C-alpha cells in the first residue's frame, strides 16, 4: 500500500512538472514580452505594457532608429519617422517615465547589436529638475526579472498568470486574423482622448499666486548637471556616430501659468537654459524647441490637459525636425533665450481666465 501511494505521488508530481514545462514552453515560444526573442512571424502581438515589453523590444527587434520619451512622445508614428528620415524605427516610451528610465532603455538599445543611426528624444520640462537616479515607481514595482540575464528568476515570467493571460490574448488575436499592434499605435493614447478648451478647463485647477519667486539655485544647477550628464551626455559621447534629435515639445499656456502661479517659471526656464548650454556643441546633437510655436501654446483647443496635445501635431513636429525648423544652434541660442524670457516670462496669464 505504501509503495502504491509513493508511486502515485511520484506520478502526480511528474504530471505537474510536465504541465509546468509545457506551459513554460508555450510562453517561451510566444514570448509576449520578448524576453527571449523578437516577434514570431506567425503570431499577432498586442503591444500595451511598456515597462514589461520595452526592454525585450530594445534587445530583440531589428531597427536602426528609436523614438523615446514620456507620454508626451507616445503619439508619434514610426511610419512618419521612417518616411521622413529613411529609417526602420521603433518607439519605446513610458507613461510618466523619468530620464533615468529612458536612459536605461537607450543603454539596452545600444547593447542590442543593431546599427543605430538616429535617436529621437522628447524632453519634458518638469523632468529637468529630477535627480539623475529618479524613477517613476519604487524598484519593487518593476519587472526586474525581465531586465537581467539571470535565468533563475525567469520563473516569475514563465509561470506568471498575467503572462499566461497575455499569451492567450496573443493567440486569440492571431486566430481571429487580426494584425498585431503597430508601433504607430503602441502607447498611443491620443486616439482615445478628447481635446478642447472645455476639456482642458475641466482638468486644470489654478492655484493661488505664490508670493515667492523661486530662484535657480546652485543646488538646482548641480541636480540638472548630474541629470543631463548621466542620462543624456554620457550616451551622446559614447556614440558619436549616432545622431541625437533632442527636442522640447510644445505645452499649453496653462502649463506655463501653472509654473508661474507656483513662482517656478523663471526657475524652470533657467534649468532649460542650463540644459541647452550643456547639450550645444556636440556634432551629433540636433536640438529643437517647439516652445517657439506660440500659436500652438495659445490654441487651448489643441490640448486635453495643460501639456498633452492633439496627436495630429506629432506628425507636424517630425516634419519640422526634418526641415530644420525651430532648431537651436550656437548662432541663435541667445535669441531663443531672449524670446523665452520675453514671451513666457512677461505673458499676461491672468487674461487667460477673464
Protein backbone atom coordinates (compact mmCIF):
# COMPACT_ATOMS: atom_id res chain seq x y z
CA UNK A 1 0.00 0.00 0.00
CA UNK A 2 2.80 2.36 0.94
CA UNK A 3 4.58 1.61 -2.34
CA UNK A 4 1.45 2.36 -4.37
CA UNK A 5 0.98 5.67 -2.56
CA UNK A 6 4.61 6.59 -3.20
CA UNK A 7 4.24 5.73 -6.87
CA UNK A 8 1.06 7.81 -7.03
CA UNK A 9 2.84 10.81 -5.52
CA UNK A 10 5.71 10.44 -7.97
CA UNK A 11 3.29 10.16 -10.90
CA UNK A 12 1.30 13.15 -9.64
CA UNK A 13 4.43 15.29 -9.32
CA UNK A 14 5.61 14.15 -12.73
CA UNK A 15 2.32 15.25 -14.28
CA UNK A 16 2.63 18.64 -12.57
CA UNK A 17 6.21 19.07 -13.75
CA UNK A 18 5.29 18.09 -17.30
CA UNK A 19 2.40 20.55 -17.19
CA UNK A 20 4.60 23.35 -15.91
CA UNK A 21 7.22 22.54 -18.53
CA UNK A 22 4.54 22.60 -21.25
CA UNK A 23 3.22 25.97 -20.08
CA UNK A 24 6.77 27.35 -19.93
CA UNK A 25 7.48 26.07 -23.43
CA UNK A 26 4.40 27.82 -24.82
CA UNK A 27 5.34 31.07 -23.05
CA UNK A 28 8.88 30.86 -24.47
CA UNK A 29 7.54 30.17 -27.97
CA UNK A 30 5.04 33.05 -27.92
CA UNK A 31 7.16 35.26 -25.62
CA UNK A 32 4.65 38.14 -25.25
CA UNK A 33 7.23 40.40 -23.58
CA UNK A 34 10.06 39.44 -26.00
CA UNK A 35 12.32 38.31 -23.17
CA UNK A 36 13.91 35.53 -25.26
CA UNK A 37 13.39 36.57 -28.86
CA UNK A 38 11.67 39.01 -31.18
CA UNK A 39 8.28 38.62 -32.79
CA UNK A 40 7.27 35.20 -34.00
CA UNK A 41 6.14 35.83 -37.58
CA UNK A 42 3.13 33.54 -37.10
CA UNK A 43 1.81 35.43 -34.05
CA UNK A 44 -0.10 38.72 -33.80
CA UNK A 45 1.27 40.53 -30.75
CA UNK A 46 -0.51 43.02 -28.54
CA UNK A 47 1.83 45.83 -27.53
CA UNK A 48 0.42 47.53 -24.45
CA UNK A 49 2.75 47.11 -21.45
CA UNK A 50 5.67 49.47 -21.78
CA UNK A 51 7.60 48.53 -18.66
CA UNK A 52 7.22 44.84 -19.47
CA UNK A 53 7.80 44.90 -23.22
CA UNK A 54 10.18 47.80 -23.96
CA UNK A 55 13.33 46.09 -22.73
CA UNK A 56 12.65 42.99 -24.83
CA UNK A 57 11.78 45.08 -27.88
CA UNK A 58 15.03 47.01 -27.49
CA UNK A 59 17.06 43.82 -27.21
CA UNK A 60 15.48 41.59 -29.85
CA UNK A 61 13.87 43.67 -32.61
CA UNK A 62 15.62 44.76 -35.80
CA UNK A 63 15.80 48.55 -36.19
CA UNK A 64 18.19 51.41 -36.83
CA UNK A 65 16.37 54.29 -35.14
CA UNK A 66 14.37 54.74 -31.96
CA UNK A 67 12.00 57.30 -30.51
CA UNK A 68 11.98 57.62 -26.71
CA UNK A 69 10.25 59.80 -24.16
CA UNK A 70 7.33 60.00 -21.78
CA UNK A 71 3.62 60.19 -22.57
CA UNK A 72 4.48 63.39 -24.42
CA UNK A 73 6.13 61.17 -27.06
CA UNK A 74 3.58 58.35 -27.14
CA UNK A 75 1.58 59.61 -30.13
CA UNK A 76 4.44 59.87 -32.61
CA UNK A 77 4.26 57.44 -35.50
CA UNK A 78 7.29 55.43 -36.51
CA UNK A 79 5.89 55.41 -40.03
CA UNK A 80 6.36 59.20 -40.07
CA UNK A 81 9.96 58.86 -38.87
CA UNK A 82 10.69 56.23 -41.50
CA UNK A 83 9.07 58.32 -44.22
CA UNK A 84 10.95 61.48 -43.32
CA UNK A 85 14.35 60.07 -42.35
CA UNK A 86 14.64 56.80 -44.31
CA UNK A 87 14.87 54.65 -41.17
CA UNK A 88 13.47 51.43 -39.76
CA UNK A 89 12.40 52.74 -36.38
CA UNK A 90 10.73 51.61 -33.16
CA UNK A 91 9.03 53.54 -30.34
CA UNK A 92 9.90 52.98 -26.69
CA UNK A 93 8.02 55.42 -24.48
CA UNK A 94 6.92 55.38 -20.84
CA UNK A 95 3.86 56.97 -19.31
CA UNK A 96 5.24 59.13 -16.54
CA UNK A 97 8.75 57.99 -17.38
CA UNK A 98 11.86 59.53 -15.86
CA UNK A 99 15.08 60.50 -17.59
CA UNK A 100 16.81 57.52 -15.99
CA UNK A 101 14.17 55.07 -17.26
CA UNK A 102 14.61 56.43 -20.76
CA UNK A 103 18.39 56.39 -20.47
CA UNK A 104 18.34 52.78 -19.22
CA UNK A 105 16.25 51.83 -22.24
CA UNK A 106 18.72 53.54 -24.56
CA UNK A 107 21.50 51.52 -22.96
CA UNK A 108 19.58 48.38 -23.97
CA UNK A 109 19.16 49.84 -27.47
CA UNK A 110 22.90 50.37 -27.86
CA UNK A 111 23.68 46.93 -26.46
CA UNK A 112 21.25 45.23 -28.87
CA UNK A 113 23.76 44.80 -31.68
CA UNK A 114 21.68 46.90 -34.08
CA UNK A 115 23.42 49.57 -36.13
CA UNK A 116 21.69 52.58 -34.61
CA UNK A 117 21.67 55.70 -36.79
CA UNK A 118 19.27 58.04 -35.02
CA UNK A 119 17.70 58.64 -31.61
CA UNK A 120 14.68 60.92 -31.29
CA UNK A 121 14.20 62.05 -27.70
CA UNK A 122 11.40 64.22 -26.37
CA UNK A 123 12.31 66.12 -23.19
CA UNK A 124 9.81 67.14 -20.50
CA UNK A 125 10.29 70.47 -18.75
CA UNK A 126 9.45 69.16 -15.29
CA UNK A 127 11.94 66.31 -15.64
CA UNK A 128 14.90 68.68 -15.83
CA UNK A 129 14.98 69.18 -12.07
CA UNK A 130 14.60 65.50 -11.22
CA UNK A 131 17.61 63.74 -9.77
CA UNK A 132 19.68 61.58 -12.11
CA UNK A 133 18.52 58.36 -10.42
CA UNK A 134 14.83 59.21 -10.06
CA UNK A 135 12.38 56.55 -11.25
CA UNK A 136 8.60 56.65 -11.61
CA UNK A 137 7.99 53.79 -9.18
CA UNK A 138 9.70 52.03 -6.33
CA UNK A 139 12.09 49.36 -7.63
CA UNK A 140 9.89 46.60 -6.21
CA UNK A 141 7.16 47.54 -8.69
CA UNK A 142 9.34 46.99 -11.79
CA UNK A 143 9.58 43.59 -13.51
CA UNK A 144 13.34 43.44 -12.98
CA UNK A 145 13.32 39.73 -13.84
CA UNK A 146 12.76 40.84 -17.44
CA UNK A 147 15.71 43.23 -17.44
CA UNK A 148 18.50 40.97 -16.20
CA UNK A 149 20.22 37.89 -17.60
CA UNK A 150 19.56 35.67 -14.59
CA UNK A 151 17.77 32.51 -15.84
CA UNK A 152 16.69 31.51 -12.34
CA UNK A 153 14.28 34.39 -11.81
CA UNK A 154 12.61 33.71 -15.17
CA UNK A 155 10.08 31.58 -13.32
CA UNK A 156 8.42 34.89 -12.43
CA UNK A 157 7.82 35.34 -16.16
CA UNK A 158 7.20 31.78 -17.32
CA UNK A 159 4.63 30.86 -14.67
CA UNK A 160 3.05 34.26 -14.13
CA UNK A 161 -0.74 34.28 -14.51
CA UNK A 162 -0.64 37.65 -16.27
CA UNK A 163 1.97 36.40 -18.74
CA UNK A 164 -0.16 33.35 -19.46
CA UNK A 165 -3.20 35.60 -19.98
CA UNK A 166 -1.21 37.69 -22.47
CA UNK A 167 -0.13 34.52 -24.30
CA UNK A 168 -3.79 33.57 -24.56
CA UNK A 169 -4.74 37.05 -25.83
CA UNK A 170 -1.99 36.98 -28.48
CA UNK A 171 -3.16 33.56 -29.66
CA UNK A 172 -6.79 34.69 -29.67
CA UNK A 173 -5.89 37.73 -31.75
CA UNK A 174 -3.88 35.59 -34.14
CA UNK A 175 -6.69 33.07 -34.56
CA UNK A 176 -9.18 35.87 -35.25
CA UNK A 177 -6.99 37.04 -38.11
CA UNK A 178 -6.20 40.47 -36.71
CA UNK A 179 -2.84 42.13 -37.17
CA UNK A 180 -0.78 42.86 -34.08
CA UNK A 181 -0.22 46.31 -32.63
CA UNK A 182 1.92 48.57 -34.82
CA UNK A 183 4.48 50.98 -33.43
CA UNK A 184 2.26 53.78 -34.70
CA UNK A 185 -0.40 52.62 -32.25
CA UNK A 186 1.83 51.34 -29.44
CA UNK A 187 1.34 53.52 -26.33
CA UNK A 188 -0.80 55.91 -28.39
CA UNK A 189 -3.35 57.46 -26.04
CA UNK A 190 -4.43 60.18 -28.46
CA UNK A 191 -6.96 58.02 -30.28
CA UNK A 192 -8.88 57.52 -27.03
CA UNK A 193 -8.78 61.11 -25.75
CA UNK A 194 -10.95 64.19 -26.02
CA UNK A 195 -9.40 67.60 -26.66
CA UNK A 196 -10.56 71.17 -26.40
CA UNK A 197 -10.59 74.16 -24.09
CA UNK A 198 -13.63 72.82 -22.25
CA UNK A 199 -11.81 69.55 -21.54
CA UNK A 200 -8.70 71.46 -20.50
CA UNK A 201 -10.67 73.75 -18.18
CA UNK A 202 -12.24 70.72 -16.51
CA UNK A 203 -8.82 69.25 -15.71
CA UNK A 204 -6.92 72.41 -14.74
CA UNK A 205 -7.26 73.83 -11.25
CA UNK A 206 -5.49 77.16 -11.00
CA UNK A 207 -3.54 77.68 -7.79
CA UNK A 208 -3.29 80.92 -5.91
CA UNK A 209 -0.32 83.04 -7.00
CA UNK A 210 2.70 82.41 -4.83
CA UNK A 211 4.19 85.49 -3.23
CA UNK A 212 7.64 83.93 -3.60
CA UNK A 213 9.62 83.70 -6.82
CA UNK A 214 11.89 80.69 -6.64
CA UNK A 215 15.44 81.05 -7.89
CA UNK A 216 17.57 78.58 -9.81
CA UNK A 217 19.99 77.75 -7.02
CA UNK A 218 23.43 76.17 -7.04
CA UNK A 219 21.77 73.02 -5.71
CA UNK A 220 19.37 73.06 -8.66
CA UNK A 221 22.31 73.57 -11.00
CA UNK A 222 24.08 70.53 -9.56
CA UNK A 223 20.92 68.42 -9.96
CA UNK A 224 20.47 69.44 -13.61
CA UNK A 225 24.15 68.93 -14.37
CA UNK A 226 24.23 65.39 -12.97
CA UNK A 227 20.89 64.55 -14.62
CA UNK A 228 22.00 65.71 -18.07
CA UNK A 229 25.49 64.24 -17.79
CA UNK A 230 24.29 60.82 -16.67
CA UNK A 231 21.13 60.47 -18.74
CA UNK A 232 22.00 62.37 -21.93
CA UNK A 233 25.63 63.35 -22.46
CA UNK A 234 27.12 60.00 -21.42
CA UNK A 235 25.39 58.26 -24.34
CA UNK A 236 25.98 61.16 -26.71
CA UNK A 237 29.71 60.89 -26.08
CA UNK A 238 29.76 57.08 -26.12
CA UNK A 239 28.06 57.00 -29.55
CA UNK A 240 29.48 59.84 -31.66
CA UNK A 241 28.25 58.23 -34.90
CA UNK A 242 24.61 58.33 -33.76
CA UNK A 243 22.54 61.46 -34.48
CA UNK A 244 20.56 62.52 -31.40
CA UNK A 245 17.48 64.62 -32.17
CA UNK A 246 16.57 66.11 -28.79
CA UNK A 247 13.52 68.35 -28.61
CA UNK A 248 11.20 70.18 -26.24
CA UNK A 249 7.56 69.66 -27.25
CA UNK A 250 5.01 72.48 -27.05
CA UNK A 251 2.91 72.98 -23.94
CA UNK A 252 -0.27 74.97 -23.43
CA UNK A 253 -0.22 78.38 -21.79
CA UNK A 254 -1.90 76.74 -18.82
CA UNK A 255 1.32 74.77 -18.29
CA UNK A 256 3.33 77.96 -18.01
CA UNK A 257 0.59 79.53 -15.90
CA UNK A 258 0.94 76.56 -13.56
CA UNK A 259 4.68 77.24 -13.19
CA UNK A 260 4.08 80.97 -12.90
CA UNK A 261 1.47 80.61 -10.16
CA UNK A 262 3.93 78.48 -8.18
CA UNK A 263 6.68 81.06 -8.59
CA UNK A 264 8.57 78.37 -10.50
CA UNK A 265 8.57 79.78 -14.04
CA UNK A 266 11.94 81.52 -14.04
CA UNK A 267 13.49 78.57 -12.17
CA UNK A 268 12.44 76.09 -14.85
CA UNK A 269 13.38 78.39 -17.71
CA UNK A 270 16.82 78.70 -16.09
CA UNK A 271 17.01 74.89 -15.88
CA UNK A 272 16.16 74.74 -19.59
CA UNK A 273 18.86 77.30 -20.40
CA UNK A 274 21.42 75.33 -18.41
CA UNK A 275 20.39 72.10 -20.16
CA UNK A 276 20.61 73.63 -23.62
CA UNK A 277 24.05 75.09 -22.94
CA UNK A 278 25.25 71.66 -21.83
CA UNK A 279 23.94 69.96 -24.97
CA UNK A 280 25.06 72.51 -27.53
CA UNK A 281 28.42 71.98 -29.17
CA UNK A 282 28.15 68.24 -29.81
CA UNK A 283 28.35 67.48 -33.53
CA UNK A 284 25.91 64.58 -33.19
CA UNK A 285 23.25 66.55 -31.27
CA UNK A 286 20.41 68.32 -33.09
CA UNK A 287 18.48 70.40 -30.57
CA UNK A 288 14.96 71.73 -31.16
CA UNK A 289 12.39 73.62 -29.13
CA UNK A 290 8.77 73.78 -30.21
CA UNK A 291 8.02 76.10 -27.33
CA UNK A 292 8.64 78.69 -30.04
CA UNK A 293 5.36 77.64 -31.68
CA UNK A 294 3.32 80.07 -29.60
CA UNK A 295 0.25 79.74 -31.81
CA UNK A 296 0.05 76.16 -30.55
CA UNK A 297 0.58 77.12 -26.91
CA UNK A 298 -2.21 79.70 -27.13
CA UNK A 299 -4.62 77.42 -29.01
CA UNK A 300 -6.14 75.71 -25.99
CA UNK A 301 -8.42 73.62 -28.20
CA UNK A 302 -5.36 71.57 -29.16
CA UNK A 303 -4.93 70.16 -25.62
CA UNK A 304 -6.60 67.67 -23.34
CA UNK A 305 -4.76 68.92 -20.27
CA UNK A 306 -2.08 71.51 -19.65
CA UNK A 307 0.62 69.57 -21.54
CA UNK A 308 -0.78 66.83 -23.84
CA UNK A 309 -1.68 67.98 -27.36
CA UNK A 310 -3.61 66.52 -30.29
CA UNK A 311 -1.85 63.57 -31.96
CA UNK A 312 -2.01 65.16 -35.42
CA UNK A 313 0.56 67.70 -34.29
CA UNK A 314 3.11 64.95 -33.65
CA UNK A 315 3.42 64.48 -37.41
CA UNK A 316 3.97 68.23 -37.85
CA UNK A 317 6.74 68.20 -35.24
CA UNK A 318 8.60 65.44 -37.05
CA UNK A 319 8.19 67.30 -40.32
CA UNK A 320 9.62 70.45 -38.71
CA UNK A 321 12.57 68.48 -37.37
CA UNK A 322 13.22 67.06 -40.83
CA UNK A 323 13.09 70.59 -42.25
CA UNK A 324 15.35 72.02 -39.53
CA UNK A 325 12.64 74.38 -38.26
CA UNK A 326 12.95 75.65 -34.66
CA UNK A 327 16.45 74.20 -34.33
CA UNK A 328 18.61 75.77 -31.64
CA UNK A 329 22.23 76.35 -32.60
CA UNK A 330 25.17 78.19 -31.10
CA UNK A 331 24.41 81.03 -33.51
CA UNK A 332 20.81 81.59 -32.41
CA UNK A 333 20.70 80.27 -28.84
CA UNK A 334 20.79 83.71 -27.21
CA UNK A 335 17.92 84.85 -29.44
CA UNK A 336 15.99 81.81 -28.26
CA UNK A 337 16.67 82.58 -24.59
CA UNK A 338 15.58 86.18 -25.11
CA UNK A 339 12.41 85.01 -26.83
CA UNK A 340 11.50 82.63 -23.98
CA UNK A 341 12.08 85.33 -21.37
CA UNK A 342 10.11 87.91 -23.31
CA UNK A 343 7.12 85.76 -24.30
CA UNK A 344 6.63 83.34 -21.41
CA UNK A 345 8.28 85.47 -18.74
CA UNK A 346 6.14 88.54 -19.46
CA UNK A 347 2.89 86.89 -20.56
CA UNK A 348 -0.40 88.19 -19.14
CA UNK A 349 -1.54 84.88 -17.67
CA UNK A 350 -4.48 86.39 -15.79
CA UNK A 351 -6.01 87.32 -19.16
CA UNK A 352 -6.44 83.62 -19.93
CA UNK A 353 -9.06 83.36 -17.19
CA UNK A 354 -11.04 86.55 -17.71
